[in-house]
């Protein structure tokens, strides 16, 4: 049986089990070479050599573990995988070329023709397109439930449902799904719960501890934290992730490059500090936006009036770094807000040190039909801000300029 290669029996050693998350993010997974390097090396090689024909045969058959070919075995990538698995509390991690390829590899590895997915309505637009346009071609159907309505999830589950899929917090309305309740529901119907943890990272939320089976990441976002590279990851157990998802990676090749893995390793070292700073700035911004006359509504789980405020406090250590808000005047007003800013980056990416602003209805969710956007409550006046690490006063002052146009 092909398995993701492990450099030891356990991802986390006995010593590392005593370390805090911040220490794991800096130290886990790096095993120094004979050069005794202090920083993790980049293994920029496509293939690896063997000491004998017998060793090569044993590696390819899976009888012995070790490096074969960088499409599916690379020491730099493996270090990132081990580190992220340790942070999430998983047994195994498979790194991929992007967050979307992480979702695709998970579905290809764990689903088959005739299976059924129930997904939250409140997911990234490309995820919806993947389910509706591409998985549907191979006989995998998808229904969509209201993230916060457990009865709606229950009613949409069929006998052939094999996966529940959520983002929490959601994109872009920052709704919170009850991971533990959805995990219980999934397991009662012999389904897997897959959680996209992109917005929180393991610093703010650990879905596996709440009963989820698999965690998805777009490493492009907060795990990197500086907008330098594209990548994804799947975290879970050794059977589903270490064998089935890894088998898709080995065969189909949605592979993370060693250089990208090294960048993500550097990002993980500062992840805890950055997530705390992002959340602090977002809380202040949400509170300020509530007082602005041109703002109709603010979506942020750190606000007491957020519908899932209490759940967010139980499930997350902090509310996160994303704030969404509606402005009066629809698309024209929203675009004027964006165009009048001078510092904020007009881009759909998030999780960067630089604050970004986007209009979801015409960017991240533009490929959805108007009816799908309406179901997801993504209006024409909605804006999403991913709060960066600039001085709060500068972020606020730039939005003062923008909101003056609304």
Foldseek 3Di string as FASTA:
>chain_A
DAFQFDPDPFLADPVRVPDDLLVLLQDGLDDDDPVRDPAHDQPQDFADDDPDPVRLVCPVVVVDGDTGGQLQDDSLLRSLFSSQLVLLVFRTKGKFQALVVQVVLLCQLFHAAQAEEEEALQAWQVVVCCQPPPVVVRRYHYHHAHQADVVRVLVPDDLRYAEYEYEALGPPQRDGHQLLSVLVSQVVSNHAYEYADAQARSLWFRSVVSRHAKYKYFLCAQLLAANDHTMIMMGHYRVSCGPRSSVCSVPVRSGHHSVVSSSSSVSSSCSNVFFVLLLVLQVVVQVVLVPDPQWPDKRWLCDPPHPCVVVSVVGTVGRGRKIKTFGPDFQVLQVQLVVQFDQADDDPGANYLGKHKYQCCCPRNVPDDPVSCVVNVRTRRMMMIRGHNDPSVSVVVRSVRSNVSD
